[in-house]
Amino acid sequence: MPLFNVREKMDQPSTNQFPNIKHVAIAGNIGAGKTTLTAQLSKHFGWDVHYESTDDNPYLSDFYEDMQRWAFNLQIFFLNSRYQQVLRILSGDRTVIQDRTIYEDAYIFAPNLHDMGLMSTRDFQNYFQLFKTMSSQIQPPDLLIYLRAGIPTLVSHIQERGRDYEGNMSLDYLKRLNERYENWISTYKEGRLLIIHVDNMDFKNNPEDLGEIINQVGAELHGLF
């Protein structure tokens, strides 16, 4: 079973407008629209894609059934998966857009599970030391795009996609994650950051909303030169 879903080459020749940019990443809570926007930006800019491991994740369904039992296993899987993704991005010669980052695993999901009593202190410390070792070997994204969404938007998107394993997710869990996202983003200094407010946008179905985001992303990337 592969550790991640990656599209190495576009079906058509690349129209990449920013060949010197290697790594763009999209961050955001569960249901914020990361995967949808990742695919749309990839298509527009001619970028390759590294998607988050969900369909091929051997722990995700079990985790939502018994979080305390599977929390550590799940987070190690995600950490390893995203570390491998970044290594492939940095060693390649094409621009890649990544669905979720290694930083979210370490600063959002793992500490949240620890604070909720779903991951032991011993496991969390072990996990975070491993993250520190891995992160010291990689570079942050050239551009991080953060999708800021309120709880009603997240719930609506989660219900719309109807994944069975997400049916047991509580509002409290989403709220805790959102608070951690906001705290993390408020102190993010690793690289260029673009925040997109998605509550009043429908970039999945509205071309004007998507066009607005594309313009914002293009402006940020031009600013890197």
C-alpha atoms as a PDB file:
ATOM      1  CA  MET A   1       0.000   0.000   0.000  1.00  0.00           C
ATOM      2  CA  PRO A   2       1.554   3.375  -0.997  1.00  0.00           C
ATOM      3  CA  LEU A   3       2.176   5.945   1.712  1.00  0.00           C
ATOM      4  CA  PHE A   4       0.757   8.779  -0.319  1.00  0.00           C
ATOM      5  CA  ASN A   5      -1.226   9.593  -3.411  1.00  0.00           C
ATOM      6  CA  VAL A   6       0.947  11.553  -5.780  1.00  0.00           C
ATOM      7  CA  ARG A   7       0.476  12.626  -9.373  1.00  0.00           C
ATOM      8  CA  GLU A   8       3.986  12.833 -10.718  1.00  0.00           C
ATOM      9  CA  LYS A   9       3.229  14.215 -14.165  1.00  0.00           C
ATOM     10  CA  MET A  10       0.395  16.254 -15.591  1.00  0.00           C
ATOM     11  CA  ASP A  11      -1.631  14.685 -18.399  1.00  0.00           C
ATOM     12  CA  GLN A  12      -0.811  17.706 -20.541  1.00  0.00           C
ATOM     13  CA  PRO A  13       2.414  19.701 -20.821  1.00  0.00           C
ATOM     14  CA  SER A  14       3.052  21.970 -17.845  1.00  0.00           C
ATOM     15  CA  THR A  15       2.100  25.622 -18.133  1.00  0.00           C
ATOM     16  CA  ASN A  16       3.853  26.426 -14.875  1.00  0.00           C
ATOM     17  CA  GLN A  17       4.161  30.212 -14.616  1.00  0.00           C
ATOM     18  CA  PHE A  18       6.574  30.010 -11.670  1.00  0.00           C
ATOM     19  CA  PRO A  19       9.272  27.429 -12.519  1.00  0.00           C
ATOM     20  CA  ASN A  20      11.547  28.658  -9.708  1.00  0.00           C
ATOM     21  CA  ILE A  21       8.901  27.874  -7.080  1.00  0.00           C
ATOM     22  CA  LYS A  22       9.198  24.308  -5.793  1.00  0.00           C
ATOM     23  CA  HIS A  23       6.710  23.929  -2.984  1.00  0.00           C
ATOM     24  CA  VAL A  24       3.271  25.433  -2.371  1.00  0.00           C
ATOM     25  CA  ALA A  25       1.202  24.002   0.483  1.00  0.00           C
ATOM     26  CA  ILE A  26      -2.408  24.381   1.585  1.00  0.00           C
ATOM     27  CA  ALA A  27      -3.237  24.265   5.298  1.00  0.00           C
ATOM     28  CA  GLY A  28      -6.590  24.253   7.044  1.00  0.00           C
ATOM     29  CA  ASN A  29      -8.927  22.398   9.343  1.00  0.00           C
ATOM     30  CA  ILE A  30     -10.878  19.274   8.387  1.00  0.00           C
ATOM     31  CA  GLY A  31     -13.479  20.312   5.821  1.00  0.00           C
ATOM     32  CA  ALA A  32     -11.919  23.670   4.922  1.00  0.00           C
ATOM     33  CA  GLY A  33     -11.617  22.725   1.236  1.00  0.00           C
ATOM     34  CA  LYS A  34      -7.914  21.947   0.984  1.00  0.00           C
ATOM     35  CA  THR A  35      -8.161  19.025  -1.426  1.00  0.00           C
ATOM     36  CA  THR A  36     -10.599  20.836  -3.726  1.00  0.00           C
ATOM     37  CA  LEU A  37      -8.449  23.954  -3.939  1.00  0.00           C
ATOM     38  CA  THR A  38      -5.279  21.899  -4.314  1.00  0.00           C
ATOM     39  CA  ALA A  39      -6.709  20.237  -7.417  1.00  0.00           C
ATOM     40  CA  GLN A  40      -7.962  23.536  -8.855  1.00  0.00           C
ATOM     41  CA  LEU A  41      -4.680  25.389  -8.378  1.00  0.00           C
ATOM     42  CA  SER A  42      -2.753  22.435  -9.763  1.00  0.00           C
ATOM     43  CA  LYS A  43      -4.855  22.487 -12.910  1.00  0.00           C
ATOM     44  CA  HIS A  44      -4.580  26.247 -13.362  1.00  0.00           C
ATOM     45  CA  PHE A  45      -0.854  26.674 -12.708  1.00  0.00           C
ATOM     46  CA  GLY A  46       0.330  23.344 -14.138  1.00  0.00           C
ATOM     47  CA  TRP A  47       1.669  22.002 -10.857  1.00  0.00           C
ATOM     48  CA  ASP A  48       2.063  18.431  -9.664  1.00  0.00           C
ATOM     49  CA  VAL A  49       0.100  17.368  -6.579  1.00  0.00           C
ATOM     50  CA  HIS A  50       0.773  15.564  -3.330  1.00  0.00           C
ATOM     51  CA  TYR A  51      -2.544  14.732  -1.685  1.00  0.00           C
ATOM     52  CA  GLU A  52      -3.083  13.895   1.948  1.00  0.00           C
ATOM     53  CA  SER A  53      -3.214  10.173   2.679  1.00  0.00           C
ATOM     54  CA  THR A  54      -6.841   9.423   3.544  1.00  0.00           C
ATOM     55  CA  ASP A  55      -8.181   6.739   1.233  1.00  0.00           C
ATOM     56  CA  ASP A  56      -5.053   4.583   1.674  1.00  0.00           C
ATOM     57  CA  ASN A  57      -4.553   5.358   5.372  1.00  0.00           C
ATOM     58  CA  PRO A  58      -4.739   2.098   7.356  1.00  0.00           C
ATOM     59  CA  TYR A  59      -5.469   3.857  10.674  1.00  0.00           C
ATOM     60  CA  LEU A  60      -7.992   6.604   9.900  1.00  0.00           C
ATOM     61  CA  SER A  61     -11.214   4.632  10.198  1.00  0.00           C
ATOM     62  CA  ASP A  62     -10.039   2.888  13.374  1.00  0.00           C
ATOM     63  CA  PHE A  63      -8.972   6.227  14.825  1.00  0.00           C
ATOM     64  CA  TYR A  64     -12.457   7.720  14.584  1.00  0.00           C
ATOM     65  CA  GLU A  65     -13.867   4.599  16.239  1.00  0.00           C
ATOM     66  CA  ASP A  66     -11.326   4.576  19.101  1.00  0.00           C
ATOM     67  CA  MET A  67      -9.176   7.721  19.194  1.00  0.00           C
ATOM     68  CA  GLN A  68      -7.196   6.843  22.303  1.00  0.00           C
ATOM     69  CA  ARG A  69      -6.106   3.459  20.965  1.00  0.00           C
ATOM     70  CA  TRP A  70      -5.034   4.651  17.529  1.00  0.00           C
ATOM     71  CA  ALA A  71      -3.975   8.300  17.994  1.00  0.00           C
ATOM     72  CA  PHE A  72      -0.226   7.667  18.130  1.00  0.00           C
ATOM     73  CA  ASN A  73      -0.300   5.228  15.203  1.00  0.00           C
ATOM     74  CA  LEU A  74      -2.274   7.655  13.062  1.00  0.00           C
ATOM     75  CA  GLN A  75       0.001  10.602  13.763  1.00  0.00           C
ATOM     76  CA  ILE A  76       3.151   8.596  13.050  1.00  0.00           C
ATOM     77  CA  PHE A  77       1.664   7.509   9.726  1.00  0.00           C
ATOM     78  CA  PHE A  78       0.865  11.089   8.734  1.00  0.00           C
ATOM     79  CA  LEU A  79       4.253  12.360   9.891  1.00  0.00           C
ATOM     80  CA  ASN A  80       6.121   9.744   7.899  1.00  0.00           C
ATOM     81  CA  SER A  81       3.918  10.268   4.847  1.00  0.00           C
ATOM     82  CA  ARG A  82       4.343  14.028   4.735  1.00  0.00           C
ATOM     83  CA  TYR A  83       8.073  13.846   5.452  1.00  0.00           C
ATOM     84  CA  GLN A  84       8.487  11.582   2.449  1.00  0.00           C
ATOM     85  CA  GLN A  85       6.386  13.972   0.380  1.00  0.00           C
ATOM     86  CA  VAL A  86       8.607  16.940   1.224  1.00  0.00           C
ATOM     87  CA  LEU A  87      11.779  14.962   0.465  1.00  0.00           C
ATOM     88  CA  ARG A  88      10.379  14.105  -2.961  1.00  0.00           C
ATOM     89  CA  ILE A  89       9.397  17.723  -3.569  1.00  0.00           C
ATOM     90  CA  LEU A  90      12.816  19.072  -2.657  1.00  0.00           C
ATOM     91  CA  SER A  91      14.674  16.472  -4.711  1.00  0.00           C
ATOM     92  CA  GLY A  92      12.480  17.001  -7.783  1.00  0.00           C
ATOM     93  CA  ASP A  93      12.584  19.645 -10.493  1.00  0.00           C
ATOM     94  CA  ARG A  94       8.898  20.507 -10.749  1.00  0.00           C
ATOM     95  CA  THR A  95       6.573  22.702  -8.725  1.00  0.00           C
ATOM     96  CA  VAL A  96       4.385  20.692  -6.350  1.00  0.00           C
ATOM     97  CA  ILE A  97       1.331  21.784  -4.397  1.00  0.00           C
ATOM     98  CA  GLN A  98       0.812  19.823  -1.176  1.00  0.00           C
ATOM     99  CA  ASP A  99      -2.492  19.096   0.549  1.00  0.00           C
ATOM    100  CA  ARG A 100      -1.735  19.814   4.263  1.00  0.00           C
ATOM    101  CA  THR A 101       1.729  20.219   5.792  1.00  0.00           C
ATOM    102  CA  ILE A 102       3.997  18.392   8.203  1.00  0.00           C
ATOM    103  CA  TYR A 103       3.685  21.354  10.587  1.00  0.00           C
ATOM    104  CA  GLU A 104      -0.035  20.786  11.063  1.00  0.00           C
ATOM    105  CA  ASP A 105       0.600  17.255  12.259  1.00  0.00           C
ATOM    106  CA  ALA A 106       3.024  18.475  14.907  1.00  0.00           C
ATOM    107  CA  TYR A 107       1.468  21.767  15.997  1.00  0.00           C
ATOM    108  CA  ILE A 108      -2.241  21.035  15.587  1.00  0.00           C
ATOM    109  CA  PHE A 109      -3.314  17.402  15.628  1.00  0.00           C
ATOM    110  CA  ALA A 110      -0.787  15.665  17.881  1.00  0.00           C
ATOM    111  CA  PRO A 111      -0.837  18.257  20.714  1.00  0.00           C
ATOM    112  CA  ASN A 112      -4.620  18.424  20.500  1.00  0.00           C
ATOM    113  CA  LEU A 113      -4.855  14.677  20.986  1.00  0.00           C
ATOM    114  CA  HIS A 114      -2.422  14.925  23.893  1.00  0.00           C
ATOM    115  CA  ASP A 115      -4.411  17.707  25.572  1.00  0.00           C
ATOM    116  CA  MET A 116      -7.622  15.708  25.162  1.00  0.00           C
ATOM    117  CA  GLY A 117      -6.021  12.745  26.943  1.00  0.00           C
ATOM    118  CA  LEU A 118      -6.076  10.674  23.767  1.00  0.00           C
ATOM    119  CA  MET A 119      -2.291  10.439  23.441  1.00  0.00           C
ATOM    120  CA  SER A 120      -0.053   9.781  26.421  1.00  0.00           C
ATOM    121  CA  THR A 121       2.666  12.252  27.377  1.00  0.00           C
ATOM    122  CA  ARG A 122       5.287   9.603  26.667  1.00  0.00           C
ATOM    123  CA  ASP A 123       3.952   9.014  23.157  1.00  0.00           C
ATOM    124  CA  PHE A 124       3.572  12.728  22.442  1.00  0.00           C
ATOM    125  CA  GLN A 125       7.120  13.522  23.537  1.00  0.00           C
ATOM    126  CA  ASN A 126       8.441  10.667  21.422  1.00  0.00           C
ATOM    127  CA  TYR A 127       6.391  11.893  18.462  1.00  0.00           C
ATOM    128  CA  PHE A 128       7.473  15.518  18.797  1.00  0.00           C
ATOM    129  CA  GLN A 129      11.158  14.649  19.086  1.00  0.00           C
ATOM    130  CA  LEU A 130      10.833  12.669  15.869  1.00  0.00           C
ATOM    131  CA  PHE A 131       9.131  15.653  14.195  1.00  0.00           C
ATOM    132  CA  LYS A 132      11.945  17.983  15.299  1.00  0.00           C
ATOM    133  CA  THR A 133      14.521  15.649  13.805  1.00  0.00           C
ATOM    134  CA  MET A 134      12.601  15.379  10.527  1.00  0.00           C
ATOM    135  CA  SER A 135      11.807  19.084  10.229  1.00  0.00           C
ATOM    136  CA  SER A 136      15.483  19.987  10.707  1.00  0.00           C
ATOM    137  CA  GLN A 137      16.221  18.103   7.484  1.00  0.00           C
ATOM    138  CA  ILE A 138      13.680  19.903   5.258  1.00  0.00           C
ATOM    139  CA  GLN A 139      12.716  23.386   4.134  1.00  0.00           C
ATOM    140  CA  PRO A 140       9.319  25.068   4.640  1.00  0.00           C
ATOM    141  CA  PRO A 141       7.026  25.712   1.653  1.00  0.00           C
ATOM    142  CA  ASP A 142       7.785  28.669  -0.600  1.00  0.00           C
ATOM    143  CA  LEU A 143       4.175  29.692  -0.021  1.00  0.00           C
ATOM    144  CA  LEU A 144       1.743  28.480   2.627  1.00  0.00           C
ATOM    145  CA  ILE A 145      -1.959  29.051   1.882  1.00  0.00           C
ATOM    146  CA  TYR A 146      -4.159  28.912   4.969  1.00  0.00           C
ATOM    147  CA  LEU A 147      -7.899  28.361   4.478  1.00  0.00           C
ATOM    148  CA  ARG A 148      -9.649  30.077   7.407  1.00  0.00           C
ATOM    149  CA  ALA A 149     -13.136  28.639   7.973  1.00  0.00           C
ATOM    150  CA  GLY A 150     -15.700  28.821  10.756  1.00  0.00           C
ATOM    151  CA  ILE A 151     -17.277  25.758  12.326  1.00  0.00           C
ATOM    152  CA  PRO A 152     -20.563  25.970  10.317  1.00  0.00           C
ATOM    153  CA  THR A 153     -18.573  25.954   7.065  1.00  0.00           C
ATOM    154  CA  LEU A 154     -16.468  22.999   8.178  1.00  0.00           C
ATOM    155  CA  VAL A 155     -19.528  21.008   9.265  1.00  0.00           C
ATOM    156  CA  SER A 156     -21.315  21.752   5.995  1.00  0.00           C
ATOM    157  CA  HIS A 157     -18.376  20.559   3.916  1.00  0.00           C
ATOM    158  CA  ILE A 158     -17.873  17.436   6.040  1.00  0.00           C
ATOM    159  CA  GLN A 159     -21.543  16.506   5.734  1.00  0.00           C
ATOM    160  CA  GLU A 160     -21.518  17.193   1.994  1.00  0.00           C
ATOM    161  CA  ARG A 161     -18.684  14.776   1.285  1.00  0.00           C
ATOM    162  CA  GLY A 162     -20.212  12.113   3.534  1.00  0.00           C
ATOM    163  CA  ARG A 163     -17.192  10.111   4.622  1.00  0.00           C
ATOM    164  CA  ASP A 164     -18.377   7.386   6.992  1.00  0.00           C
ATOM    165  CA  TYR A 165     -15.377   7.611   9.312  1.00  0.00           C
ATOM    166  CA  GLU A 166     -16.023  11.334   9.888  1.00  0.00           C
ATOM    167  CA  GLY A 167     -19.554  10.710  11.140  1.00  0.00           C
ATOM    168  CA  ASN A 168     -18.354  10.316  14.745  1.00  0.00           C
ATOM    169  CA  MET A 169     -16.446  13.610  14.768  1.00  0.00           C
ATOM    170  CA  SER A 170     -17.653  16.020  17.478  1.00  0.00           C
ATOM    171  CA  LEU A 171     -18.098  19.778  17.252  1.00  0.00           C
ATOM    172  CA  ASP A 172     -15.801  20.142  20.238  1.00  0.00           C
ATOM    173  CA  TYR A 173     -13.042  18.344  18.344  1.00  0.00           C
ATOM    174  CA  LEU A 174     -13.402  20.728  15.367  1.00  0.00           C
ATOM    175  CA  LYS A 175     -13.455  23.771  17.655  1.00  0.00           C
ATOM    176  CA  ARG A 176     -10.289  22.667  19.420  1.00  0.00           C
ATOM    177  CA  LEU A 177      -8.558  22.194  16.086  1.00  0.00           C
ATOM    178  CA  ASN A 178      -9.690  25.598  14.829  1.00  0.00           C
ATOM    179  CA  GLU A 179      -8.300  27.306  17.916  1.00  0.00           C
ATOM    180  CA  ARG A 180      -4.959  25.587  17.426  1.00  0.00           C
ATOM    181  CA  TYR A 181      -4.881  26.530  13.748  1.00  0.00           C
ATOM    182  CA  GLU A 182      -5.425  30.182  14.593  1.00  0.00           C
ATOM    183  CA  ASN A 183      -2.716  30.117  17.262  1.00  0.00           C
ATOM    184  CA  TRP A 184      -0.266  28.445  14.881  1.00  0.00           C
ATOM    185  CA  ILE A 185      -0.958  30.781  11.970  1.00  0.00           C
ATOM    186  CA  SER A 186      -0.631  33.846  14.193  1.00  0.00           C
ATOM    187  CA  THR A 187       2.980  32.867  14.918  1.00  0.00           C
ATOM    188  CA  TYR A 188       3.942  31.328  11.542  1.00  0.00           C
ATOM    189  CA  LYS A 189       7.289  32.809  10.470  1.00  0.00           C
ATOM    190  CA  GLU A 190       8.774  29.983   8.380  1.00  0.00           C
ATOM    191  CA  GLY A 191       7.905  31.521   5.010  1.00  0.00           C
ATOM    192  CA  ARG A 192       5.436  33.473   2.921  1.00  0.00           C
ATOM    193  CA  LEU A 193       1.824  33.146   4.094  1.00  0.00           C
ATOM    194  CA  LEU A 194      -1.494  33.796   2.332  1.00  0.00           C
ATOM    195  CA  ILE A 195      -4.699  33.632   4.395  1.00  0.00           C
ATOM    196  CA  ILE A 196      -7.954  33.031   2.510  1.00  0.00           C
ATOM    197  CA  HIS A 197     -11.291  33.479   4.262  1.00  0.00           C
ATOM    198  CA  VAL A 198     -13.533  30.763   2.836  1.00  0.00           C
ATOM    199  CA  ASP A 199     -16.776  31.181   4.797  1.00  0.00           C
ATOM    200  CA  ASN A 200     -18.331  33.360   2.104  1.00  0.00           C
ATOM    201  CA  MET A 201     -16.669  31.681  -0.860  1.00  0.00           C
ATOM    202  CA  ASP A 202     -17.607  28.729  -3.037  1.00  0.00           C
ATOM    203  CA  PHE A 203     -14.471  28.159  -5.088  1.00  0.00           C
ATOM    204  CA  LYS A 204     -15.650  24.636  -5.876  1.00  0.00           C
ATOM    205  CA  ASN A 205     -18.662  25.821  -7.892  1.00  0.00           C
ATOM    206  CA  ASN A 206     -18.184  29.563  -8.443  1.00  0.00           C
ATOM    207  CA  PRO A 207     -15.551  30.487 -11.071  1.00  0.00           C
ATOM    208  CA  GLU A 208     -15.428  34.080  -9.798  1.00  0.00           C
ATOM    209  CA  ASP A 209     -14.467  32.968  -6.298  1.00  0.00           C
ATOM    210  CA  LEU A 210     -11.824  30.649  -7.718  1.00  0.00           C
ATOM    211  CA  GLY A 211     -10.517  33.426  -9.940  1.00  0.00           C
ATOM    212  CA  GLU A 212     -10.148  35.707  -6.951  1.00  0.00           C
ATOM    213  CA  ILE A 213      -8.059  33.107  -5.140  1.00  0.00           C
ATOM    214  CA  ILE A 214      -5.923  32.456  -8.224  1.00  0.00           C
ATOM    215  CA  ASN A 215      -5.183  36.170  -8.460  1.00  0.00           C
ATOM    216  CA  GLN A 216      -4.177  36.299  -4.792  1.00  0.00           C
ATOM    217  CA  VAL A 217      -1.907  33.262  -5.154  1.00  0.00           C
ATOM    218  CA  GLY A 218      -0.311  34.687  -8.294  1.00  0.00           C
ATOM    219  CA  ALA A 219       0.382  38.000  -6.582  1.00  0.00           C
ATOM    220  CA  GLU A 220       2.066  36.240  -3.656  1.00  0.00           C
ATOM    221  CA  LEU A 221       4.222  34.124  -5.920  1.00  0.00           C
ATOM    222  CA  HIS A 222       5.283  37.125  -8.001  1.00  0.00           C
ATOM    223  CA  GLY A 223       6.380  38.702  -4.730  1.00  0.00           C
ATOM    224  CA  LEU A 224       8.865  35.876  -4.200  1.00  0.00           C
ATOM    225  CA  PHE A 225      11.006  36.990  -7.126  1.00  0.00           C
END
